[in-house]
Amino acid sequence: GDGEDGPVAVGRAANIASMADVQASGLDSALSALSVGGSGDDKHPEKRMKAAYKAYEEKMMPEMKQQYPGLKRQQYLDKIFALWKKSSENPMNQQS
């Protein structure tokens, strides 16, 4: 043979292939599977903010709809974001 083991995934295909190797269920598992360097200090919490906020928003939306029935979606999102800024689930609020 010529020493090649078949096609090598490059670029987006390689990303998709490596994502397929990560078997994780739930947000926490996914975050820990994606984190690099094990359980060291988190130097860049802002990089996780978007995913963490999205999970928080999905968790809070039903509660907001119960507390404030009849609001527009954007009004719910505004309330959730105001709570998020003070939330302990917000990576930016976790002092080391």
N, C-alpha and C. Protein backbone atom coordinates (compact mmCIF):
# COMPACT_ATOMS: atom_id res chain seq x y z
N GLY A 1 0.82 -1.20 0.00
CA GLY A 1 0.00 0.00 0.00
C GLY A 1 0.85 1.24 0.00
N ASP A 2 0.18 2.38 -0.08
CA ASP A 2 0.90 3.64 -0.08
C ASP A 2 0.97 4.29 1.30
N GLY A 3 0.58 3.56 2.34
CA GLY A 3 0.70 4.06 3.70
C GLY A 3 -0.50 4.84 4.20
N GLU A 4 -1.54 5.04 3.38
CA GLU A 4 -2.71 5.79 3.83
C GLU A 4 -3.74 4.85 4.42
N ASP A 5 -4.41 5.34 5.46
CA ASP A 5 -5.44 4.53 6.13
C ASP A 5 -6.83 4.89 5.65
N GLY A 6 -6.97 5.51 4.50
CA GLY A 6 -8.27 5.94 4.02
C GLY A 6 -8.40 7.44 4.14
N PRO A 7 -9.57 7.97 3.82
CA PRO A 7 -9.75 9.43 3.83
C PRO A 7 -9.59 10.02 5.23
N VAL A 8 -8.96 11.16 5.30
CA VAL A 8 -8.78 11.84 6.58
C VAL A 8 -9.74 13.02 6.62
N ALA A 9 -10.53 13.10 7.69
CA ALA A 9 -11.50 14.18 7.82
C ALA A 9 -10.77 15.50 8.07
N VAL A 10 -11.19 16.52 7.38
CA VAL A 10 -10.56 17.83 7.51
C VAL A 10 -11.64 18.87 7.77
N GLY A 11 -11.29 19.91 8.51
CA GLY A 11 -12.20 21.04 8.71
C GLY A 11 -13.48 20.65 9.41
N ARG A 12 -14.61 21.05 8.82
CA ARG A 12 -15.92 20.83 9.43
C ARG A 12 -16.19 19.34 9.64
N ALA A 13 -15.79 18.52 8.67
CA ALA A 13 -16.00 17.08 8.78
C ALA A 13 -15.28 16.52 10.01
N ALA A 14 -14.07 17.02 10.26
CA ALA A 14 -13.31 16.57 11.43
C ALA A 14 -14.01 16.99 12.71
N ASN A 15 -14.56 18.21 12.73
CA ASN A 15 -15.29 18.68 13.91
C ASN A 15 -16.50 17.79 14.19
N ILE A 16 -17.25 17.49 13.13
CA ILE A 16 -18.43 16.66 13.28
C ILE A 16 -18.03 15.27 13.75
N ALA A 17 -16.95 14.72 13.18
CA ALA A 17 -16.49 13.39 13.57
C ALA A 17 -16.08 13.38 15.03
N SER A 18 -15.38 14.42 15.48
CA SER A 18 -14.94 14.42 16.88
C SER A 18 -16.12 14.66 17.82
N MET A 19 -17.11 15.42 17.37
CA MET A 19 -18.31 15.63 18.19
C MET A 19 -19.04 14.30 18.38
N ALA A 20 -19.05 13.48 17.33
CA ALA A 20 -19.74 12.20 17.40
C ALA A 20 -19.09 11.28 18.44
N ASP A 21 -17.80 11.50 18.70
CA ASP A 21 -17.09 10.68 19.68
C ASP A 21 -17.46 11.05 21.12
N VAL A 22 -17.97 12.24 21.31
CA VAL A 22 -18.31 12.69 22.66
C VAL A 22 -19.73 12.23 22.98
N GLN A 23 -19.83 11.27 23.88
CA GLN A 23 -21.14 10.77 24.30
C GLN A 23 -21.46 11.40 25.65
N ALA A 24 -22.37 12.36 25.65
CA ALA A 24 -22.71 13.03 26.91
C ALA A 24 -24.21 13.25 26.96
N SER A 25 -24.79 13.09 28.16
CA SER A 25 -26.21 13.37 28.31
C SER A 25 -26.37 14.49 29.32
N GLY A 26 -27.22 15.43 29.01
CA GLY A 26 -27.45 16.54 29.91
C GLY A 26 -26.41 17.62 29.73
N LEU A 27 -26.75 18.82 30.16
CA LEU A 27 -25.87 19.97 29.99
C LEU A 27 -24.57 19.82 30.76
N ASP A 28 -24.65 19.35 32.00
CA ASP A 28 -23.43 19.23 32.81
C ASP A 28 -22.45 18.26 32.18
N SER A 29 -22.96 17.13 31.72
CA SER A 29 -22.08 16.14 31.08
C SER A 29 -21.47 16.72 29.82
N ALA A 30 -22.29 17.43 29.05
CA ALA A 30 -21.79 18.01 27.81
C ALA A 30 -20.70 19.04 28.10
N LEU A 31 -20.94 19.89 29.09
CA LEU A 31 -19.94 20.90 29.43
C LEU A 31 -18.65 20.26 29.92
N SER A 32 -18.76 19.24 30.76
CA SER A 32 -17.55 18.61 31.26
C SER A 32 -16.84 17.84 30.16
N ALA A 33 -17.60 17.28 29.22
CA ALA A 33 -16.98 16.56 28.10
C ALA A 33 -16.24 17.52 27.18
N LEU A 34 -16.77 18.74 27.06
CA LEU A 34 -16.17 19.72 26.17
C LEU A 34 -15.05 20.51 26.83
N SER A 35 -15.00 20.51 28.16
CA SER A 35 -13.99 21.31 28.83
C SER A 35 -12.61 20.70 28.60
N VAL A 36 -11.63 21.57 28.46
CA VAL A 36 -10.27 21.12 28.18
C VAL A 36 -9.43 21.29 29.43
N GLY A 37 -8.61 20.31 29.73
CA GLY A 37 -7.69 20.46 30.86
C GLY A 37 -8.27 19.99 32.17
N GLY A 38 -9.35 19.23 32.16
CA GLY A 38 -9.87 18.67 33.40
C GLY A 38 -10.53 19.72 34.28
N SER A 39 -10.35 19.57 35.59
CA SER A 39 -11.10 20.41 36.53
C SER A 39 -10.26 21.58 37.05
N GLY A 40 -9.39 22.11 36.23
CA GLY A 40 -8.57 23.25 36.64
C GLY A 40 -9.41 24.49 36.79
N ASP A 41 -8.80 25.58 37.19
CA ASP A 41 -9.52 26.84 37.32
C ASP A 41 -10.11 27.26 35.99
N ASP A 42 -11.31 27.80 36.04
CA ASP A 42 -11.98 28.26 34.83
C ASP A 42 -11.51 29.67 34.53
N LYS A 43 -10.66 29.82 33.55
CA LYS A 43 -10.09 31.12 33.23
C LYS A 43 -10.99 31.95 32.32
N HIS A 44 -11.94 31.30 31.63
CA HIS A 44 -12.77 32.02 30.67
C HIS A 44 -14.25 31.70 30.84
N PRO A 45 -14.85 32.11 31.96
CA PRO A 45 -16.27 31.77 32.17
C PRO A 45 -17.17 32.39 31.10
N GLU A 46 -16.76 33.52 30.51
CA GLU A 46 -17.61 34.17 29.52
C GLU A 46 -17.83 33.29 28.29
N LYS A 47 -16.89 32.35 28.06
CA LYS A 47 -17.06 31.47 26.91
C LYS A 47 -18.19 30.47 27.13
N ARG A 48 -18.53 30.20 28.39
CA ARG A 48 -19.63 29.28 28.70
C ARG A 48 -20.93 30.02 28.93
N MET A 49 -20.86 31.36 29.01
CA MET A 49 -22.04 32.14 29.37
C MET A 49 -23.24 31.85 28.48
N LYS A 50 -23.03 31.83 27.17
CA LYS A 50 -24.16 31.72 26.25
C LYS A 50 -24.91 30.41 26.48
N ALA A 51 -24.18 29.30 26.56
CA ALA A 51 -24.82 28.01 26.77
C ALA A 51 -25.49 27.94 28.13
N ALA A 52 -24.81 28.47 29.14
CA ALA A 52 -25.38 28.45 30.49
C ALA A 52 -26.64 29.30 30.56
N TYR A 53 -26.62 30.47 29.91
CA TYR A 53 -27.80 31.34 29.90
C TYR A 53 -28.97 30.65 29.19
N LYS A 54 -28.67 30.00 28.06
CA LYS A 54 -29.73 29.33 27.30
C LYS A 54 -30.41 28.27 28.16
N ALA A 55 -29.61 27.50 28.90
CA ALA A 55 -30.18 26.47 29.78
C ALA A 55 -31.01 27.11 30.89
N TYR A 56 -30.52 28.22 31.45
CA TYR A 56 -31.23 28.93 32.50
C TYR A 56 -32.56 29.47 31.96
N GLU A 57 -32.50 30.04 30.76
CA GLU A 57 -33.71 30.59 30.13
C GLU A 57 -34.76 29.50 29.94
N GLU A 58 -34.34 28.33 29.44
CA GLU A 58 -35.28 27.24 29.22
C GLU A 58 -35.87 26.74 30.53
N LYS A 59 -35.08 26.77 31.59
CA LYS A 59 -35.56 26.32 32.89
C LYS A 59 -36.54 27.33 33.49
N MET A 60 -36.27 28.63 33.30
CA MET A 60 -37.06 29.69 33.94
C MET A 60 -38.35 30.03 33.18
N MET A 61 -38.38 29.81 31.88
CA MET A 61 -39.53 30.23 31.09
C MET A 61 -40.86 29.72 31.64
N PRO A 62 -40.99 28.41 31.95
CA PRO A 62 -42.28 27.95 32.50
C PRO A 62 -42.65 28.63 33.82
N GLU A 63 -41.64 28.89 34.68
CA GLU A 63 -41.91 29.58 35.94
C GLU A 63 -42.41 30.99 35.69
N MET A 64 -41.76 31.69 34.76
CA MET A 64 -42.17 33.07 34.44
C MET A 64 -43.60 33.10 33.89
N LYS A 65 -43.92 32.13 33.04
CA LYS A 65 -45.27 32.10 32.45
C LYS A 65 -46.32 31.85 33.51
N GLN A 66 -45.94 31.10 34.56
CA GLN A 66 -46.87 30.87 35.66
C GLN A 66 -47.03 32.14 36.50
N GLN A 67 -45.91 32.79 36.81
CA GLN A 67 -45.96 33.99 37.66
C GLN A 67 -46.59 35.18 36.95
N TYR A 68 -46.31 35.32 35.64
CA TYR A 68 -46.78 36.48 34.89
C TYR A 68 -47.51 36.02 33.63
N PRO A 69 -48.73 35.50 33.79
CA PRO A 69 -49.43 35.01 32.59
C PRO A 69 -49.76 36.16 31.63
N GLY A 70 -49.69 35.87 30.33
CA GLY A 70 -50.15 36.83 29.33
C GLY A 70 -49.12 37.81 28.83
N LEU A 71 -47.86 37.69 29.26
CA LEU A 71 -46.85 38.61 28.75
C LEU A 71 -46.37 38.17 27.37
N LYS A 72 -45.76 39.12 26.66
CA LYS A 72 -45.12 38.77 25.39
C LYS A 72 -43.82 38.04 25.68
N ARG A 73 -43.36 37.24 24.70
CA ARG A 73 -42.14 36.45 24.87
C ARG A 73 -40.96 37.33 25.27
N GLN A 74 -40.83 38.50 24.62
CA GLN A 74 -39.69 39.38 24.93
C GLN A 74 -39.76 39.88 26.37
N GLN A 75 -40.96 40.10 26.88
CA GLN A 75 -41.09 40.54 28.28
C GLN A 75 -40.62 39.44 29.23
N TYR A 76 -40.96 38.19 28.91
CA TYR A 76 -40.45 37.08 29.71
C TYR A 76 -38.93 37.03 29.65
N LEU A 77 -38.38 37.16 28.44
CA LEU A 77 -36.93 37.10 28.28
C LEU A 77 -36.24 38.22 29.06
N ASP A 78 -36.84 39.42 29.06
CA ASP A 78 -36.27 40.53 29.83
C ASP A 78 -36.23 40.21 31.32
N LYS A 79 -37.33 39.65 31.84
CA LYS A 79 -37.38 39.29 33.25
C LYS A 79 -36.36 38.20 33.57
N ILE A 80 -36.27 37.19 32.71
CA ILE A 80 -35.32 36.10 32.92
C ILE A 80 -33.90 36.63 32.89
N PHE A 81 -33.60 37.53 31.95
CA PHE A 81 -32.23 38.07 31.87
C PHE A 81 -31.89 38.88 33.12
N ALA A 82 -32.86 39.64 33.64
CA ALA A 82 -32.62 40.41 34.86
C ALA A 82 -32.28 39.48 36.02
N LEU A 83 -33.00 38.36 36.12
CA LEU A 83 -32.71 37.37 37.16
C LEU A 83 -31.35 36.71 36.92
N TRP A 84 -31.05 36.45 35.65
CA TRP A 84 -29.79 35.79 35.27
C TRP A 84 -28.58 36.60 35.74
N LYS A 85 -28.69 37.94 35.63
CA LYS A 85 -27.55 38.78 35.99
C LYS A 85 -27.17 38.62 37.46
N LYS A 86 -28.15 38.22 38.28
CA LYS A 86 -27.90 38.04 39.72
C LYS A 86 -27.79 36.57 40.12
N SER A 87 -28.04 35.67 39.15
CA SER A 87 -28.14 34.25 39.46
C SER A 87 -26.79 33.63 39.82
N SER A 88 -26.84 32.66 40.73
CA SER A 88 -25.63 31.90 41.05
C SER A 88 -25.26 30.95 39.92
N GLU A 89 -26.20 30.70 38.99
CA GLU A 89 -25.91 29.83 37.85
C GLU A 89 -25.12 30.55 36.77
N ASN A 90 -25.04 31.88 36.87
CA ASN A 90 -24.30 32.68 35.89
C ASN A 90 -22.80 32.52 36.19
N PRO A 91 -22.02 32.00 35.22
CA PRO A 91 -20.59 31.79 35.46
C PRO A 91 -19.85 33.08 35.88
N MET A 92 -20.36 34.23 35.45
CA MET A 92 -19.71 35.49 35.80
C MET A 92 -19.92 35.87 37.27
N ASN A 93 -20.87 35.20 37.93
CA ASN A 93 -21.13 35.51 39.35
C ASN A 93 -20.41 34.56 40.29
N GLN A 94 -19.64 33.64 39.75
CA GLN A 94 -18.99 32.65 40.60
C GLN A 94 -17.57 33.11 40.93
N GLN A 95 -17.43 33.67 42.13
CA GLN A 95 -16.10 34.12 42.55
C GLN A 95 -15.25 32.91 42.91
N SER A 96 -13.97 32.98 42.54
CA SER A 96 -13.09 31.87 42.86
C SER A 96 -12.33 32.16 44.15
